[in-house]
N, C-alpha and C. Protein backbone atom coordinates (compact mmCIF):
# COMPACT_ATOMS: atom_id res chain seq x y z
N MET A 1 24.11 16.43 30.25
CA MET A 1 23.52 17.68 29.80
C MET A 1 22.57 18.20 30.87
N MET A 2 22.65 19.49 31.19
CA MET A 2 21.79 20.06 32.21
C MET A 2 20.39 20.27 31.65
N GLN A 3 19.37 19.95 32.45
CA GLN A 3 17.99 20.08 32.02
C GLN A 3 17.64 21.53 31.68
N ASP A 4 18.22 22.53 32.40
CA ASP A 4 17.89 23.93 32.16
C ASP A 4 18.26 24.37 30.76
N GLN A 5 19.30 23.77 30.17
CA GLN A 5 19.76 24.18 28.85
C GLN A 5 19.12 23.37 27.73
N ALA A 6 18.40 22.33 28.09
CA ALA A 6 17.74 21.49 27.08
C ALA A 6 16.55 22.26 26.51
N PRO A 7 16.28 22.09 25.20
CA PRO A 7 15.10 22.75 24.62
C PRO A 7 13.83 22.22 25.27
N SER A 8 12.90 23.12 25.56
CA SER A 8 11.66 22.72 26.23
C SER A 8 10.67 22.13 25.22
N LEU A 9 9.99 21.08 25.66
CA LEU A 9 9.02 20.39 24.82
C LEU A 9 7.79 20.06 25.65
N LEU A 10 6.62 20.38 25.12
CA LEU A 10 5.36 20.03 25.76
C LEU A 10 4.76 18.86 25.00
N LEU A 11 4.51 17.76 25.69
CA LEU A 11 3.94 16.55 25.09
C LEU A 11 2.50 16.41 25.59
N VAL A 12 1.55 16.49 24.65
CA VAL A 12 0.13 16.46 25.00
C VAL A 12 -0.52 15.23 24.37
N ASP A 13 -0.87 14.26 25.23
CA ASP A 13 -1.52 13.03 24.76
C ASP A 13 -2.29 12.45 25.93
N ASP A 14 -3.52 11.99 25.68
CA ASP A 14 -4.34 11.45 26.77
C ASP A 14 -4.01 9.99 27.08
N ASP A 15 -3.20 9.33 26.25
CA ASP A 15 -2.79 7.95 26.51
C ASP A 15 -1.55 8.00 27.41
N GLU A 16 -1.76 7.72 28.70
CA GLU A 16 -0.70 7.89 29.68
C GLU A 16 0.53 7.03 29.38
N THR A 17 0.32 5.78 28.98
CA THR A 17 1.45 4.89 28.70
C THR A 17 2.26 5.42 27.52
N PHE A 18 1.59 5.74 26.42
CA PHE A 18 2.27 6.28 25.24
C PHE A 18 3.02 7.55 25.59
N ARG A 19 2.34 8.46 26.31
CA ARG A 19 2.93 9.75 26.68
C ARG A 19 4.18 9.56 27.53
N THR A 20 4.12 8.67 28.50
CA THR A 20 5.25 8.43 29.40
C THR A 20 6.45 7.85 28.64
N VAL A 21 6.19 6.89 27.78
CA VAL A 21 7.27 6.26 27.00
C VAL A 21 7.90 7.28 26.05
N LEU A 22 7.05 8.02 25.32
CA LEU A 22 7.57 9.00 24.38
C LEU A 22 8.34 10.10 25.10
N ALA A 23 7.86 10.52 26.26
CA ALA A 23 8.56 11.55 27.05
C ALA A 23 9.96 11.07 27.41
N ARG A 24 10.06 9.83 27.85
CA ARG A 24 11.36 9.26 28.22
C ARG A 24 12.32 9.23 27.02
N VAL A 25 11.80 8.82 25.87
CA VAL A 25 12.63 8.75 24.66
C VAL A 25 13.08 10.14 24.22
N LEU A 26 12.18 11.11 24.28
CA LEU A 26 12.53 12.47 23.87
C LEU A 26 13.51 13.12 24.86
N GLN A 27 13.40 12.76 26.14
CA GLN A 27 14.37 13.26 27.13
C GLN A 27 15.76 12.72 26.80
N ARG A 28 15.84 11.47 26.38
CA ARG A 28 17.13 10.89 25.99
C ARG A 28 17.72 11.59 24.77
N ARG A 29 16.86 12.21 23.98
CA ARG A 29 17.32 12.94 22.79
C ARG A 29 17.62 14.41 23.10
N GLY A 30 17.61 14.75 24.39
CA GLY A 30 18.05 16.08 24.80
C GLY A 30 16.98 17.11 25.07
N PHE A 31 15.72 16.72 25.12
CA PHE A 31 14.65 17.68 25.39
C PHE A 31 14.28 17.68 26.87
N SER A 32 13.86 18.84 27.36
CA SER A 32 13.28 18.96 28.69
C SER A 32 11.77 18.85 28.49
N VAL A 33 11.18 17.69 28.89
CA VAL A 33 9.80 17.38 28.52
C VAL A 33 8.83 17.64 29.67
N GLN A 34 7.77 18.39 29.36
CA GLN A 34 6.62 18.56 30.25
C GLN A 34 5.48 17.76 29.61
N GLN A 35 4.66 17.13 30.45
CA GLN A 35 3.56 16.31 29.93
C GLN A 35 2.21 16.87 30.33
N ALA A 36 1.23 16.69 29.42
CA ALA A 36 -0.15 17.10 29.70
C ALA A 36 -1.08 16.05 29.08
N ALA A 37 -2.20 15.80 29.76
CA ALA A 37 -3.15 14.80 29.28
C ALA A 37 -4.41 15.42 28.67
N SER A 38 -4.56 16.75 28.79
CA SER A 38 -5.78 17.39 28.30
C SER A 38 -5.45 18.78 27.77
N GLU A 39 -6.42 19.37 27.10
CA GLU A 39 -6.28 20.73 26.58
C GLU A 39 -6.01 21.71 27.73
N ALA A 40 -6.81 21.62 28.79
CA ALA A 40 -6.67 22.55 29.92
C ALA A 40 -5.29 22.43 30.57
N GLU A 41 -4.84 21.20 30.77
CA GLU A 41 -3.52 20.97 31.37
C GLU A 41 -2.42 21.55 30.48
N ALA A 42 -2.52 21.31 29.19
CA ALA A 42 -1.51 21.79 28.24
C ALA A 42 -1.44 23.32 28.25
N LEU A 43 -2.59 23.96 28.22
CA LEU A 43 -2.61 25.42 28.15
C LEU A 43 -2.15 26.05 29.46
N THR A 44 -2.44 25.40 30.58
CA THR A 44 -1.96 25.88 31.87
C THR A 44 -0.44 25.84 31.90
N GLN A 45 0.14 24.72 31.46
CA GLN A 45 1.60 24.58 31.46
C GLN A 45 2.25 25.56 30.47
N ALA A 46 1.65 25.72 29.31
CA ALA A 46 2.21 26.62 28.29
C ALA A 46 2.16 28.08 28.74
N ALA A 47 1.15 28.43 29.53
CA ALA A 47 1.03 29.80 30.03
C ALA A 47 2.16 30.11 31.02
N VAL A 48 2.60 29.10 31.77
CA VAL A 48 3.69 29.27 32.73
C VAL A 48 5.02 29.40 31.99
N GLU A 49 5.24 28.50 31.03
CA GLU A 49 6.46 28.53 30.22
C GLU A 49 6.12 28.08 28.81
N SER A 50 6.21 29.01 27.86
CA SER A 50 5.93 28.68 26.47
C SER A 50 7.00 27.73 25.95
N PRO A 51 6.60 26.54 25.48
CA PRO A 51 7.61 25.57 25.02
C PRO A 51 8.20 25.94 23.66
N GLU A 52 9.43 25.52 23.44
CA GLU A 52 10.06 25.72 22.13
C GLU A 52 9.47 24.73 21.12
N PHE A 53 9.09 23.54 21.63
CA PHE A 53 8.55 22.48 20.80
C PHE A 53 7.32 21.89 21.49
N ALA A 54 6.40 21.34 20.67
CA ALA A 54 5.23 20.67 21.23
C ALA A 54 4.86 19.50 20.33
N VAL A 55 4.43 18.42 20.97
CA VAL A 55 3.88 17.26 20.27
C VAL A 55 2.46 17.12 20.79
N VAL A 56 1.48 17.21 19.90
CA VAL A 56 0.08 17.24 20.31
C VAL A 56 -0.70 16.13 19.59
N ASP A 57 -1.38 15.30 20.38
CA ASP A 57 -2.25 14.27 19.80
C ASP A 57 -3.52 14.96 19.31
N LEU A 58 -4.04 14.52 18.17
CA LEU A 58 -5.23 15.14 17.60
C LEU A 58 -6.47 14.92 18.47
N LYS A 59 -6.61 13.72 19.02
CA LYS A 59 -7.78 13.39 19.85
C LYS A 59 -7.32 13.28 21.30
N LEU A 60 -7.86 14.13 22.15
CA LEU A 60 -7.52 14.15 23.57
C LEU A 60 -8.78 13.87 24.39
N GLY A 61 -9.26 12.65 24.35
CA GLY A 61 -10.50 12.33 25.04
C GLY A 61 -11.62 13.15 24.42
N ASN A 62 -12.24 14.03 25.22
CA ASN A 62 -13.30 14.91 24.72
C ASN A 62 -12.77 16.21 24.15
N ASP A 63 -11.45 16.45 24.29
CA ASP A 63 -10.84 17.68 23.80
C ASP A 63 -10.29 17.47 22.39
N SER A 64 -10.03 18.57 21.71
CA SER A 64 -9.46 18.53 20.37
C SER A 64 -8.02 19.02 20.41
N GLY A 65 -7.13 18.24 19.82
CA GLY A 65 -5.74 18.67 19.70
C GLY A 65 -5.61 19.91 18.85
N LEU A 66 -6.55 20.11 17.90
CA LEU A 66 -6.51 21.30 17.05
C LEU A 66 -6.67 22.58 17.89
N ALA A 67 -7.50 22.52 18.92
CA ALA A 67 -7.67 23.68 19.81
C ALA A 67 -6.37 23.97 20.55
N VAL A 68 -5.65 22.91 20.93
CA VAL A 68 -4.36 23.08 21.61
C VAL A 68 -3.35 23.71 20.65
N VAL A 69 -3.32 23.22 19.40
CA VAL A 69 -2.40 23.77 18.40
C VAL A 69 -2.67 25.26 18.21
N LYS A 70 -3.93 25.61 18.05
CA LYS A 70 -4.30 27.02 17.83
C LYS A 70 -3.86 27.88 19.02
N ALA A 71 -4.15 27.42 20.24
CA ALA A 71 -3.81 28.19 21.43
C ALA A 71 -2.30 28.32 21.61
N LEU A 72 -1.56 27.24 21.38
CA LEU A 72 -0.10 27.29 21.51
C LEU A 72 0.49 28.26 20.48
N HIS A 73 -0.03 28.21 19.27
CA HIS A 73 0.48 29.10 18.20
C HIS A 73 0.17 30.56 18.53
N GLU A 74 -1.02 30.81 19.08
CA GLU A 74 -1.38 32.19 19.45
C GLU A 74 -0.53 32.68 20.62
N LEU A 75 -0.19 31.78 21.54
CA LEU A 75 0.63 32.13 22.69
C LEU A 75 2.05 32.48 22.27
N ASP A 76 2.60 31.67 21.34
CA ASP A 76 3.98 31.88 20.88
C ASP A 76 4.11 31.32 19.47
N GLY A 77 4.14 32.20 18.49
CA GLY A 77 4.20 31.79 17.10
C GLY A 77 5.48 31.06 16.70
N THR A 78 6.49 31.07 17.57
CA THR A 78 7.75 30.38 17.25
C THR A 78 7.78 28.94 17.73
N THR A 79 6.78 28.52 18.50
CA THR A 79 6.74 27.13 18.97
C THR A 79 6.58 26.20 17.78
N ARG A 80 7.45 25.21 17.68
CA ARG A 80 7.36 24.21 16.62
C ARG A 80 6.44 23.11 17.09
N ILE A 81 5.31 22.93 16.40
CA ILE A 81 4.27 22.00 16.85
C ILE A 81 4.12 20.86 15.84
N VAL A 82 4.21 19.63 16.35
CA VAL A 82 3.95 18.44 15.53
C VAL A 82 2.69 17.79 16.05
N VAL A 83 1.74 17.54 15.15
CA VAL A 83 0.50 16.88 15.51
C VAL A 83 0.63 15.39 15.19
N LEU A 84 0.30 14.55 16.17
CA LEU A 84 0.29 13.09 15.99
C LEU A 84 -1.15 12.62 16.01
N THR A 85 -1.46 11.64 15.18
CA THR A 85 -2.81 11.11 15.24
C THR A 85 -2.89 9.69 14.71
N GLY A 86 -3.80 8.95 15.28
CA GLY A 86 -4.12 7.61 14.79
C GLY A 86 -5.25 7.70 13.78
N TYR A 87 -5.80 8.91 13.55
CA TYR A 87 -6.93 9.13 12.66
C TYR A 87 -6.52 10.08 11.54
N ALA A 88 -5.46 9.74 10.84
CA ALA A 88 -4.90 10.64 9.83
C ALA A 88 -5.87 10.88 8.67
N SER A 89 -6.03 12.14 8.31
CA SER A 89 -6.79 12.50 7.12
C SER A 89 -6.21 13.80 6.59
N ILE A 90 -6.34 14.01 5.30
CA ILE A 90 -5.81 15.23 4.69
C ILE A 90 -6.55 16.45 5.24
N ALA A 91 -7.85 16.34 5.46
CA ALA A 91 -8.63 17.47 5.97
C ALA A 91 -8.10 17.95 7.32
N THR A 92 -7.85 17.01 8.23
CA THR A 92 -7.35 17.42 9.55
C THR A 92 -5.90 17.86 9.47
N ALA A 93 -5.12 17.28 8.56
CA ALA A 93 -3.72 17.70 8.39
C ALA A 93 -3.68 19.15 7.93
N ILE A 94 -4.49 19.48 6.95
CA ILE A 94 -4.53 20.85 6.43
C ILE A 94 -4.99 21.82 7.53
N GLU A 95 -6.00 21.42 8.28
CA GLU A 95 -6.49 22.27 9.37
C GLU A 95 -5.40 22.49 10.42
N ALA A 96 -4.67 21.43 10.78
CA ALA A 96 -3.60 21.55 11.77
C ALA A 96 -2.52 22.52 11.29
N ILE A 97 -2.15 22.42 10.02
CA ILE A 97 -1.13 23.30 9.45
C ILE A 97 -1.63 24.74 9.44
N LYS A 98 -2.89 24.95 9.05
CA LYS A 98 -3.47 26.30 9.04
C LYS A 98 -3.46 26.92 10.44
N LEU A 99 -3.65 26.09 11.45
CA LEU A 99 -3.72 26.60 12.83
C LEU A 99 -2.35 26.83 13.45
N GLY A 100 -1.28 26.40 12.75
CA GLY A 100 0.06 26.69 13.26
C GLY A 100 0.97 25.51 13.47
N ALA A 101 0.52 24.30 13.15
CA ALA A 101 1.40 23.14 13.30
C ALA A 101 2.51 23.20 12.26
N THR A 102 3.67 22.71 12.63
CA THR A 102 4.81 22.64 11.72
C THR A 102 4.70 21.41 10.84
N HIS A 103 4.19 20.33 11.43
CA HIS A 103 4.10 19.07 10.69
C HIS A 103 3.00 18.21 11.31
N TYR A 104 2.59 17.21 10.58
CA TYR A 104 1.49 16.32 10.95
C TYR A 104 1.95 14.89 10.67
N LEU A 105 1.96 14.04 11.67
CA LEU A 105 2.43 12.67 11.50
C LEU A 105 1.38 11.66 11.95
N PRO A 106 1.13 10.62 11.15
CA PRO A 106 0.23 9.56 11.60
C PRO A 106 0.94 8.66 12.61
N LYS A 107 0.19 8.15 13.59
CA LYS A 107 0.75 7.19 14.54
C LYS A 107 0.80 5.83 13.85
N PRO A 108 1.73 5.00 14.14
CA PRO A 108 2.82 5.24 15.08
C PRO A 108 3.95 6.01 14.40
N ALA A 109 4.45 7.02 15.06
CA ALA A 109 5.60 7.79 14.56
C ALA A 109 6.75 7.57 15.54
N SER A 110 7.93 7.36 15.01
CA SER A 110 9.09 7.15 15.86
C SER A 110 9.58 8.50 16.40
N ALA A 111 10.37 8.44 17.46
CA ALA A 111 10.95 9.66 18.02
C ALA A 111 11.82 10.35 16.98
N ASP A 112 12.51 9.57 16.14
CA ASP A 112 13.35 10.16 15.08
C ASP A 112 12.49 10.93 14.09
N GLU A 113 11.32 10.39 13.72
CA GLU A 113 10.42 11.09 12.80
C GLU A 113 9.91 12.39 13.43
N ILE A 114 9.61 12.35 14.72
CA ILE A 114 9.11 13.53 15.41
C ILE A 114 10.19 14.61 15.46
N VAL A 115 11.41 14.22 15.84
CA VAL A 115 12.52 15.18 15.92
C VAL A 115 12.80 15.76 14.53
N ALA A 116 12.76 14.92 13.49
CA ALA A 116 12.97 15.40 12.12
C ALA A 116 11.87 16.38 11.72
N ALA A 117 10.65 16.12 12.16
CA ALA A 117 9.53 17.01 11.83
C ALA A 117 9.71 18.39 12.46
N PHE A 118 10.40 18.46 13.60
CA PHE A 118 10.66 19.74 14.23
C PHE A 118 11.58 20.61 13.37
N GLN A 119 12.37 19.99 12.53
CA GLN A 119 13.32 20.74 11.69
C GLN A 119 12.64 21.42 10.50
N LYS A 120 11.38 21.06 10.23
CA LYS A 120 10.64 21.69 9.14
C LYS A 120 10.45 23.16 9.50
N THR A 121 10.61 24.04 8.52
CA THR A 121 10.51 25.47 8.80
C THR A 121 9.10 26.01 8.67
N GLU A 122 8.24 25.28 7.95
CA GLU A 122 6.85 25.72 7.83
C GLU A 122 5.98 24.50 7.63
N GLY A 123 4.68 24.68 7.78
CA GLY A 123 3.75 23.58 7.66
C GLY A 123 3.94 22.79 6.37
N ASN A 124 3.83 21.47 6.49
CA ASN A 124 4.08 20.62 5.34
C ASN A 124 3.25 19.36 5.45
N ILE A 125 2.72 18.92 4.32
CA ILE A 125 2.04 17.64 4.23
C ILE A 125 2.76 16.88 3.13
N ASP A 126 3.14 15.64 3.38
CA ASP A 126 3.87 14.88 2.38
C ASP A 126 3.08 14.76 1.09
N ALA A 127 3.78 14.93 -0.03
CA ALA A 127 3.14 14.90 -1.35
C ALA A 127 2.51 13.56 -1.66
N HIS A 128 3.08 12.46 -1.14
CA HIS A 128 2.51 11.14 -1.45
C HIS A 128 1.10 11.00 -0.90
N GLU A 129 0.75 11.78 0.12
CA GLU A 129 -0.60 11.74 0.67
C GLU A 129 -1.60 12.43 -0.27
N LEU A 130 -1.10 13.22 -1.21
CA LEU A 130 -1.99 13.98 -2.08
C LEU A 130 -2.16 13.33 -3.45
N SER A 131 -1.68 12.11 -3.64
CA SER A 131 -1.85 11.42 -4.91
C SER A 131 -3.31 11.00 -5.07
N PRO A 132 -3.74 10.61 -6.30
CA PRO A 132 -5.15 10.24 -6.50
C PRO A 132 -5.63 9.23 -5.46
N MET A 133 -6.85 9.46 -4.97
CA MET A 133 -7.38 8.65 -3.88
C MET A 133 -8.42 7.65 -4.37
N SER A 134 -8.53 6.56 -3.63
CA SER A 134 -9.58 5.58 -3.91
C SER A 134 -10.92 6.17 -3.48
N VAL A 135 -11.99 5.53 -3.93
CA VAL A 135 -13.34 6.01 -3.56
C VAL A 135 -13.51 5.95 -2.04
N SER A 136 -13.05 4.88 -1.41
CA SER A 136 -13.19 4.78 0.05
C SER A 136 -12.38 5.86 0.75
N ARG A 137 -11.22 6.23 0.18
CA ARG A 137 -10.41 7.28 0.78
C ARG A 137 -11.10 8.64 0.62
N VAL A 138 -11.72 8.88 -0.54
CA VAL A 138 -12.46 10.13 -0.76
C VAL A 138 -13.59 10.25 0.27
N GLU A 139 -14.30 9.13 0.48
CA GLU A 139 -15.38 9.13 1.48
C GLU A 139 -14.82 9.44 2.87
N TRP A 140 -13.71 8.80 3.22
CA TRP A 140 -13.04 8.99 4.51
C TRP A 140 -12.66 10.47 4.69
N GLU A 141 -12.08 11.07 3.65
CA GLU A 141 -11.66 12.46 3.71
C GLU A 141 -12.87 13.38 3.89
N HIS A 142 -13.94 13.10 3.15
CA HIS A 142 -15.14 13.94 3.25
C HIS A 142 -15.74 13.85 4.65
N ILE A 143 -15.83 12.64 5.17
CA ILE A 143 -16.37 12.46 6.53
C ILE A 143 -15.52 13.23 7.53
N ASN A 144 -14.19 13.14 7.41
CA ASN A 144 -13.31 13.84 8.36
C ASN A 144 -13.38 15.36 8.19
N LYS A 145 -13.59 15.83 6.98
CA LYS A 145 -13.75 17.27 6.76
C LYS A 145 -15.01 17.77 7.46
N VAL A 146 -16.11 17.04 7.26
CA VAL A 146 -17.38 17.43 7.90
C VAL A 146 -17.26 17.31 9.42
N LEU A 147 -16.58 16.28 9.89
CA LEU A 147 -16.35 16.10 11.33
C LEU A 147 -15.57 17.28 11.90
N ALA A 148 -14.54 17.73 11.18
CA ALA A 148 -13.75 18.88 11.62
C ALA A 148 -14.61 20.15 11.64
N GLU A 149 -15.48 20.29 10.63
CA GLU A 149 -16.37 21.46 10.57
C GLU A 149 -17.33 21.49 11.76
N HIS A 150 -17.65 20.31 12.29
CA HIS A 150 -18.56 20.22 13.44
C HIS A 150 -17.80 19.98 14.74
N GLU A 151 -16.50 20.33 14.72
CA GLU A 151 -15.64 20.30 15.91
C GLU A 151 -15.67 18.95 16.62
N GLY A 152 -15.68 17.88 15.84
CA GLY A 152 -15.61 16.53 16.40
C GLY A 152 -16.92 15.99 16.93
N ASN A 153 -18.02 16.71 16.77
CA ASN A 153 -19.32 16.27 17.27
C ASN A 153 -19.90 15.22 16.31
N ILE A 154 -19.93 13.96 16.77
CA ILE A 154 -20.38 12.84 15.95
C ILE A 154 -21.85 13.01 15.56
N SER A 155 -22.71 13.37 16.49
CA SER A 155 -24.14 13.50 16.20
C SER A 155 -24.41 14.58 15.16
N ALA A 156 -23.77 15.75 15.33
CA ALA A 156 -23.96 16.84 14.37
C ALA A 156 -23.42 16.46 13.00
N THR A 157 -22.29 15.75 12.98
CA THR A 157 -21.70 15.30 11.71
C THR A 157 -22.63 14.31 11.02
N ALA A 158 -23.18 13.37 11.78
CA ALA A 158 -24.10 12.38 11.21
C ALA A 158 -25.32 13.07 10.61
N ARG A 159 -25.87 14.07 11.31
CA ARG A 159 -27.02 14.81 10.78
C ARG A 159 -26.64 15.53 9.49
N ALA A 160 -25.47 16.17 9.46
CA ALA A 160 -25.03 16.90 8.27
C ALA A 160 -24.83 15.97 7.08
N LEU A 161 -24.37 14.75 7.35
CA LEU A 161 -24.13 13.77 6.28
C LEU A 161 -25.38 12.95 5.96
N LYS A 162 -26.47 13.22 6.70
CA LYS A 162 -27.72 12.46 6.55
C LYS A 162 -27.45 10.96 6.69
N MET A 163 -26.78 10.63 7.79
CA MET A 163 -26.33 9.27 8.05
C MET A 163 -26.65 8.93 9.51
N HIS A 164 -26.95 7.69 9.79
CA HIS A 164 -27.18 7.26 11.17
C HIS A 164 -25.87 7.39 11.95
N ARG A 165 -25.97 7.83 13.19
CA ARG A 165 -24.80 8.05 14.03
C ARG A 165 -23.94 6.79 14.15
N ARG A 166 -24.56 5.64 14.34
CA ARG A 166 -23.80 4.38 14.49
C ARG A 166 -23.07 4.02 13.21
N THR A 167 -23.70 4.29 12.07
CA THR A 167 -23.04 4.03 10.78
C THR A 167 -21.80 4.91 10.67
N LEU A 168 -21.95 6.17 11.05
CA LEU A 168 -20.81 7.08 11.01
C LEU A 168 -19.69 6.59 11.94
N GLN A 169 -20.05 6.16 13.14
CA GLN A 169 -19.04 5.66 14.07
C GLN A 169 -18.31 4.45 13.50
N ARG A 170 -19.03 3.54 12.85
CA ARG A 170 -18.39 2.38 12.21
C ARG A 170 -17.43 2.81 11.12
N LYS A 171 -17.86 3.77 10.30
CA LYS A 171 -17.00 4.25 9.22
C LYS A 171 -15.74 4.93 9.77
N LEU A 172 -15.88 5.67 10.85
CA LEU A 172 -14.73 6.33 11.46
C LEU A 172 -13.76 5.34 12.10
N ALA A 173 -14.28 4.21 12.55
CA ALA A 173 -13.44 3.21 13.21
C ALA A 173 -12.59 2.43 12.20
N LYS A 174 -13.03 2.42 10.93
CA LYS A 174 -12.31 1.69 9.89
C LYS A 174 -11.38 2.61 9.13
N ARG A 175 -10.24 2.08 8.73
CA ARG A 175 -9.35 2.81 7.82
C ARG A 175 -9.85 2.59 6.40
N PRO A 176 -9.66 3.54 5.50
CA PRO A 176 -10.07 3.31 4.12
C PRO A 176 -9.30 2.14 3.49
N ALA A 177 -9.90 1.47 2.53
CA ALA A 177 -9.25 0.35 1.86
C ALA A 177 -7.97 0.80 1.21
N GLY A 178 -6.97 -0.08 1.24
CA GLY A 178 -5.70 0.21 0.59
C GLY A 178 -4.77 1.03 1.45
N GLU A 179 -5.08 1.18 2.74
CA GLU A 179 -4.23 1.97 3.63
C GLU A 179 -3.26 1.05 4.35
């Protein structure tokens, strides 16, 4: 298959090893893959050629994947964007969908799951994620909602929650019970 005729895909992840492996797998599935490690790199590449598809990690070092999603959607509303994250929460999933993502997948997600997510026609969050939550999950969701409201700023989030910054960091590092 010629690379020129393959659908274009922009892969944005700051983890070089993960990004390289996923790019190789997606190329085998017929995509022409461009890679970016940061928000600035992703937006520079997208400005040159708007991708048909994009896979964006939620956390990009000091950058936010949500900013990339918003910018890609504003650049070309037809780009199918899948957000990947190791820090899955309903608050960030909803925000990603509002900003233009087609789907939101927790890591680790297989290439098959990513390709299937591209087939979604509009933003979607799996219904099983919306079932009644445990108390620890409610706390986790609230913390992530406030974190999103403060654009990922840990110190500002800790102040808003009236919590010590280190306590907040410990809570963010743990998954809620029963996950």
